[in-house]
Amino acid sequence: VAGPAALAAWWTIRHAREQSWWKPLDTEFLYRNGTWMAVVRSLRLEEAGAANGGVPVVRQTREVLWQQGTDVYHVSLYVAGRDGTPDERRMSRLVASIRPQADAVEGGDAP
């Protein structure tokens, strides 16, 4: 995979195949710390926990993707208020806070 547009396209195709229902809404490209990131705003059908009676729900998420060398990094964000409505402002602030680092370490340490 090369470049943020190719990365976003690859992720969209793969994710759409693997998820029971996933719909990308739009993609934004950001340049941070010398790295291009793709931010895919999407709707995802997810199983709800016991708190929602186990009824599947549609959630709006942000999938943040970037590539360093041959490694691909992904962060999936979902923030909602107490009533379950997506909190657009908080998700956007979380995306704005992500800063890829060139010295990412394998083994659970997030860049």
N, C-alpha and C. Protein backbone atom coordinates (compact mmCIF):
# COMPACT_ATOMS: atom_id res chain seq x y z
N VAL A 1 0.86 -1.17 0.00
CA VAL A 1 0.00 0.00 0.00
C VAL A 1 0.90 1.23 0.00
N ALA A 2 0.60 2.19 -0.85
CA ALA A 2 1.40 3.40 -0.90
C ALA A 2 0.49 4.62 -0.96
N GLY A 3 0.73 5.58 -0.10
CA GLY A 3 -0.05 6.81 -0.11
C GLY A 3 -1.35 6.69 0.65
N PRO A 4 -1.84 7.81 1.18
CA PRO A 4 -3.04 7.78 2.01
C PRO A 4 -4.31 7.40 1.25
N ALA A 5 -4.42 7.80 -0.03
CA ALA A 5 -5.62 7.47 -0.80
C ALA A 5 -5.68 5.96 -1.05
N ALA A 6 -4.54 5.36 -1.40
CA ALA A 6 -4.50 3.91 -1.61
C ALA A 6 -4.79 3.17 -0.31
N LEU A 7 -4.26 3.69 0.80
CA LEU A 7 -4.49 3.08 2.10
C LEU A 7 -5.97 3.13 2.47
N ALA A 8 -6.62 4.27 2.25
CA ALA A 8 -8.05 4.41 2.55
C ALA A 8 -8.88 3.49 1.67
N ALA A 9 -8.53 3.38 0.39
CA ALA A 9 -9.27 2.50 -0.52
C ALA A 9 -9.10 1.05 -0.11
N TRP A 10 -7.87 0.65 0.21
CA TRP A 10 -7.61 -0.72 0.65
C TRP A 10 -8.40 -1.04 1.92
N TRP A 11 -8.40 -0.11 2.88
CA TRP A 11 -9.11 -0.32 4.14
C TRP A 11 -10.61 -0.44 3.91
N THR A 12 -11.16 0.43 3.07
CA THR A 12 -12.59 0.43 2.79
C THR A 12 -13.01 -0.90 2.17
N ILE A 13 -12.28 -1.38 1.20
CA ILE A 13 -12.61 -2.65 0.55
C ILE A 13 -12.53 -3.79 1.54
N ARG A 14 -11.44 -3.86 2.31
CA ARG A 14 -11.24 -4.94 3.27
C ARG A 14 -12.32 -4.90 4.37
N HIS A 15 -12.55 -3.72 4.92
CA HIS A 15 -13.48 -3.58 6.03
C HIS A 15 -14.91 -3.91 5.58
N ALA A 16 -15.28 -3.46 4.38
CA ALA A 16 -16.61 -3.73 3.86
C ALA A 16 -16.84 -5.24 3.68
N ARG A 17 -15.78 -5.97 3.33
CA ARG A 17 -15.90 -7.43 3.17
C ARG A 17 -16.02 -8.13 4.52
N GLU A 18 -15.28 -7.65 5.53
CA GLU A 18 -15.19 -8.34 6.81
C GLU A 18 -16.33 -7.99 7.77
N GLN A 19 -16.92 -6.83 7.63
CA GLN A 19 -17.99 -6.41 8.53
C GLN A 19 -19.33 -6.83 7.94
N SER A 20 -20.29 -7.14 8.82
CA SER A 20 -21.61 -7.51 8.32
C SER A 20 -22.26 -6.31 7.63
N TRP A 21 -22.02 -5.12 8.14
CA TRP A 21 -22.52 -3.92 7.48
C TRP A 21 -21.64 -2.75 7.88
N TRP A 22 -21.06 -2.10 6.89
CA TRP A 22 -20.16 -0.97 7.12
C TRP A 22 -20.28 -0.04 5.93
N LYS A 23 -20.53 1.24 6.17
CA LYS A 23 -20.71 2.20 5.08
C LYS A 23 -19.82 3.42 5.30
N PRO A 24 -18.82 3.61 4.44
CA PRO A 24 -18.00 4.82 4.55
C PRO A 24 -18.81 6.03 4.11
N LEU A 25 -18.69 7.13 4.84
CA LEU A 25 -19.41 8.36 4.50
C LEU A 25 -18.52 9.34 3.75
N ASP A 26 -17.29 9.53 4.27
CA ASP A 26 -16.34 10.40 3.59
C ASP A 26 -14.95 10.12 4.14
N THR A 27 -13.95 10.62 3.41
CA THR A 27 -12.56 10.42 3.81
C THR A 27 -11.86 11.77 3.77
N GLU A 28 -11.10 12.03 4.82
CA GLU A 28 -10.31 13.27 4.91
C GLU A 28 -8.84 12.86 5.03
N PHE A 29 -7.95 13.61 4.39
CA PHE A 29 -6.52 13.32 4.46
C PHE A 29 -5.83 14.41 5.25
N LEU A 30 -5.04 14.02 6.23
CA LEU A 30 -4.33 14.95 7.10
C LEU A 30 -2.84 14.67 7.01
N TYR A 31 -2.02 15.71 7.13
CA TYR A 31 -0.57 15.56 7.12
C TYR A 31 -0.04 15.99 8.47
N ARG A 32 0.54 15.05 9.22
CA ARG A 32 1.05 15.34 10.56
C ARG A 32 2.39 14.66 10.78
N ASN A 33 3.31 15.38 11.38
CA ASN A 33 4.64 14.85 11.72
C ASN A 33 5.28 14.13 10.54
N GLY A 34 5.11 14.67 9.33
CA GLY A 34 5.73 14.09 8.14
C GLY A 34 5.02 12.85 7.62
N THR A 35 3.80 12.59 8.10
CA THR A 35 3.06 11.40 7.70
C THR A 35 1.65 11.77 7.26
N TRP A 36 1.21 11.20 6.14
CA TRP A 36 -0.17 11.38 5.70
C TRP A 36 -1.05 10.39 6.43
N MET A 37 -2.20 10.86 6.88
CA MET A 37 -3.19 9.99 7.55
C MET A 37 -4.50 10.10 6.78
N ALA A 38 -5.22 8.99 6.72
CA ALA A 38 -6.57 8.99 6.14
C ALA A 38 -7.55 8.82 7.29
N VAL A 39 -8.57 9.67 7.33
CA VAL A 39 -9.60 9.58 8.36
C VAL A 39 -10.91 9.26 7.65
N VAL A 40 -11.40 8.05 7.86
CA VAL A 40 -12.63 7.60 7.21
C VAL A 40 -13.78 7.71 8.22
N ARG A 41 -14.75 8.56 7.91
CA ARG A 41 -15.94 8.67 8.74
C ARG A 41 -16.92 7.64 8.20
N SER A 42 -17.43 6.78 9.06
CA SER A 42 -18.26 5.68 8.57
C SER A 42 -19.38 5.33 9.54
N LEU A 43 -20.31 4.54 9.05
CA LEU A 43 -21.37 3.96 9.87
C LEU A 43 -21.08 2.47 9.97
N ARG A 44 -21.23 1.93 11.15
CA ARG A 44 -20.94 0.52 11.38
C ARG A 44 -22.07 -0.11 12.19
N LEU A 45 -22.54 -1.27 11.77
CA LEU A 45 -23.52 -2.02 12.53
C LEU A 45 -22.77 -2.88 13.52
N GLU A 46 -23.06 -2.70 14.80
CA GLU A 46 -22.36 -3.46 15.83
C GLU A 46 -23.35 -4.11 16.77
N GLU A 47 -22.92 -5.22 17.34
CA GLU A 47 -23.72 -5.85 18.38
C GLU A 47 -23.66 -4.98 19.62
N ALA A 48 -24.79 -4.76 20.21
CA ALA A 48 -24.82 -3.94 21.43
C ALA A 48 -24.70 -4.85 22.64
N GLY A 49 -24.21 -4.29 23.71
CA GLY A 49 -24.07 -5.04 24.95
C GLY A 49 -25.40 -5.21 25.65
N ALA A 50 -25.34 -5.79 26.81
CA ALA A 50 -26.54 -6.05 27.60
C ALA A 50 -27.27 -4.75 27.95
N ALA A 51 -26.54 -3.65 28.05
CA ALA A 51 -27.16 -2.37 28.40
C ALA A 51 -28.20 -1.95 27.36
N ASN A 52 -28.02 -2.39 26.12
CA ASN A 52 -28.96 -2.04 25.05
C ASN A 52 -29.87 -3.22 24.72
N GLY A 53 -29.92 -4.19 25.59
CA GLY A 53 -30.77 -5.35 25.35
C GLY A 53 -30.27 -6.27 24.26
N GLY A 54 -29.02 -6.14 23.87
CA GLY A 54 -28.45 -7.01 22.85
C GLY A 54 -28.90 -6.69 21.44
N VAL A 55 -29.61 -5.57 21.26
CA VAL A 55 -30.09 -5.18 19.94
C VAL A 55 -28.94 -4.52 19.16
N PRO A 56 -28.70 -4.94 17.91
CA PRO A 56 -27.64 -4.30 17.12
C PRO A 56 -27.91 -2.81 16.94
N VAL A 57 -26.83 -2.03 16.91
CA VAL A 57 -26.96 -0.58 16.75
C VAL A 57 -26.03 -0.10 15.63
N VAL A 58 -26.40 1.00 15.00
CA VAL A 58 -25.55 1.62 13.99
C VAL A 58 -24.79 2.73 14.69
N ARG A 59 -23.47 2.69 14.58
CA ARG A 59 -22.62 3.69 15.22
C ARG A 59 -21.81 4.43 14.17
N GLN A 60 -21.62 5.73 14.39
CA GLN A 60 -20.75 6.50 13.52
C GLN A 60 -19.35 6.47 14.11
N THR A 61 -18.38 6.08 13.33
CA THR A 61 -17.00 5.94 13.81
C THR A 61 -16.06 6.78 12.96
N ARG A 62 -14.86 6.91 13.46
CA ARG A 62 -13.74 7.48 12.70
C ARG A 62 -12.66 6.41 12.66
N GLU A 63 -12.26 6.03 11.47
CA GLU A 63 -11.16 5.09 11.29
C GLU A 63 -9.96 5.92 10.86
N VAL A 64 -8.91 5.97 11.69
CA VAL A 64 -7.72 6.76 11.39
C VAL A 64 -6.62 5.79 10.97
N LEU A 65 -6.08 5.99 9.77
CA LEU A 65 -5.10 5.07 9.19
C LEU A 65 -3.86 5.83 8.76
N TRP A 66 -2.71 5.20 8.97
CA TRP A 66 -1.47 5.75 8.42
C TRP A 66 -0.48 4.62 8.26
N GLN A 67 0.50 4.87 7.40
CA GLN A 67 1.51 3.86 7.09
C GLN A 67 2.88 4.44 7.36
N GLN A 68 3.72 3.62 8.00
CA GLN A 68 5.12 3.98 8.20
C GLN A 68 5.95 2.79 7.76
N GLY A 69 6.70 2.99 6.70
CA GLY A 69 7.45 1.87 6.12
C GLY A 69 6.46 0.84 5.59
N THR A 70 6.60 -0.39 6.02
CA THR A 70 5.69 -1.45 5.58
C THR A 70 4.57 -1.70 6.60
N ASP A 71 4.58 -0.95 7.71
CA ASP A 71 3.57 -1.14 8.76
C ASP A 71 2.39 -0.20 8.55
N VAL A 72 1.19 -0.72 8.80
CA VAL A 72 -0.02 0.08 8.72
C VAL A 72 -0.59 0.19 10.14
N TYR A 73 -0.95 1.41 10.53
CA TYR A 73 -1.50 1.66 11.86
C TYR A 73 -2.95 2.07 11.72
N HIS A 74 -3.76 1.68 12.67
CA HIS A 74 -5.19 1.95 12.61
C HIS A 74 -5.72 2.24 14.01
N VAL A 75 -6.51 3.30 14.12
CA VAL A 75 -7.20 3.62 15.36
C VAL A 75 -8.66 3.81 15.00
N SER A 76 -9.55 3.12 15.70
CA SER A 76 -10.98 3.26 15.48
C SER A 76 -11.56 4.04 16.65
N LEU A 77 -12.26 5.14 16.35
CA LEU A 77 -12.80 6.01 17.40
C LEU A 77 -14.31 6.02 17.38
N TYR A 78 -14.89 5.92 18.56
CA TYR A 78 -16.33 6.08 18.71
C TYR A 78 -16.57 6.74 20.05
N VAL A 79 -17.21 7.88 20.04
CA VAL A 79 -17.52 8.60 21.27
C VAL A 79 -18.99 8.99 21.20
N ALA A 80 -19.72 8.71 22.29
CA ALA A 80 -21.14 9.05 22.31
C ALA A 80 -21.49 9.67 23.66
N GLY A 81 -22.56 10.43 23.63
CA GLY A 81 -23.09 10.99 24.87
C GLY A 81 -23.85 9.92 25.64
N ARG A 82 -24.36 10.28 26.78
CA ARG A 82 -25.09 9.32 27.62
C ARG A 82 -26.30 8.73 26.92
N ASP A 83 -26.89 9.49 26.00
CA ASP A 83 -28.07 8.99 25.30
C ASP A 83 -27.70 8.13 24.08
N GLY A 84 -26.40 7.96 23.82
CA GLY A 84 -25.95 7.11 22.71
C GLY A 84 -25.73 7.84 21.40
N THR A 85 -26.04 9.15 21.37
CA THR A 85 -25.81 9.92 20.14
C THR A 85 -24.32 10.17 19.95
N PRO A 86 -23.81 10.02 18.72
CA PRO A 86 -22.38 10.25 18.48
C PRO A 86 -22.00 11.68 18.84
N ASP A 87 -20.87 11.82 19.48
CA ASP A 87 -20.36 13.13 19.85
C ASP A 87 -19.32 13.54 18.80
N GLU A 88 -19.80 14.21 17.76
CA GLU A 88 -18.95 14.61 16.63
C GLU A 88 -17.76 15.45 17.07
N ARG A 89 -18.01 16.40 17.94
CA ARG A 89 -16.95 17.31 18.38
C ARG A 89 -15.83 16.57 19.09
N ARG A 90 -16.18 15.65 19.98
CA ARG A 90 -15.14 14.91 20.71
C ARG A 90 -14.37 13.98 19.78
N MET A 91 -15.07 13.34 18.83
CA MET A 91 -14.37 12.47 17.89
C MET A 91 -13.40 13.29 17.05
N SER A 92 -13.82 14.47 16.61
CA SER A 92 -12.94 15.34 15.82
C SER A 92 -11.73 15.78 16.64
N ARG A 93 -11.96 16.09 17.93
CA ARG A 93 -10.83 16.48 18.79
C ARG A 93 -9.86 15.32 19.00
N LEU A 94 -10.39 14.10 19.13
CA LEU A 94 -9.50 12.94 19.28
C LEU A 94 -8.67 12.74 18.02
N VAL A 95 -9.30 12.87 16.85
CA VAL A 95 -8.56 12.75 15.59
C VAL A 95 -7.47 13.81 15.55
N ALA A 96 -7.80 15.04 15.95
CA ALA A 96 -6.82 16.14 15.93
C ALA A 96 -5.65 15.89 16.88
N SER A 97 -5.85 15.06 17.90
CA SER A 97 -4.78 14.82 18.87
C SER A 97 -3.82 13.71 18.44
N ILE A 98 -4.16 12.94 17.42
CA ILE A 98 -3.31 11.82 16.99
C ILE A 98 -2.10 12.37 16.25
N ARG A 99 -0.93 11.97 16.70
CA ARG A 99 0.34 12.39 16.09
C ARG A 99 1.20 11.16 15.84
N PRO A 100 1.30 10.70 14.57
CA PRO A 100 2.17 9.55 14.28
C PRO A 100 3.61 9.87 14.63
N GLN A 101 4.31 8.89 15.16
CA GLN A 101 5.73 9.05 15.49
C GLN A 101 6.54 8.08 14.68
N ALA A 102 7.69 8.51 14.29
CA ALA A 102 8.56 7.66 13.46
C ALA A 102 9.13 6.50 14.26
N ASP A 103 9.13 6.60 15.59
CA ASP A 103 9.76 5.56 16.40
C ASP A 103 8.71 4.67 17.10
N ALA A 104 7.62 4.32 16.38
CA ALA A 104 6.60 3.46 16.97
C ALA A 104 7.21 2.11 17.33
N VAL A 105 6.78 1.56 18.44
CA VAL A 105 7.35 0.30 18.93
C VAL A 105 6.30 -0.78 18.88
N GLU A 106 6.66 -1.95 18.37
CA GLU A 106 5.74 -3.08 18.30
C GLU A 106 5.52 -3.63 19.71
N GLY A 107 4.34 -4.17 19.96
CA GLY A 107 4.09 -4.81 21.25
C GLY A 107 3.09 -4.07 22.10
N GLY A 108 2.21 -3.30 21.49
CA GLY A 108 1.15 -2.66 22.25
C GLY A 108 1.35 -1.19 22.51
N ASP A 109 2.53 -0.66 22.28
CA ASP A 109 2.74 0.78 22.50
C ASP A 109 2.17 1.54 21.31
N ALA A 110 1.18 2.35 21.57
CA ALA A 110 0.56 3.12 20.48
C ALA A 110 1.43 4.30 20.12
N PRO A 111 1.60 4.55 18.82
CA PRO A 111 2.38 5.71 18.41
C PRO A 111 1.64 7.00 18.72
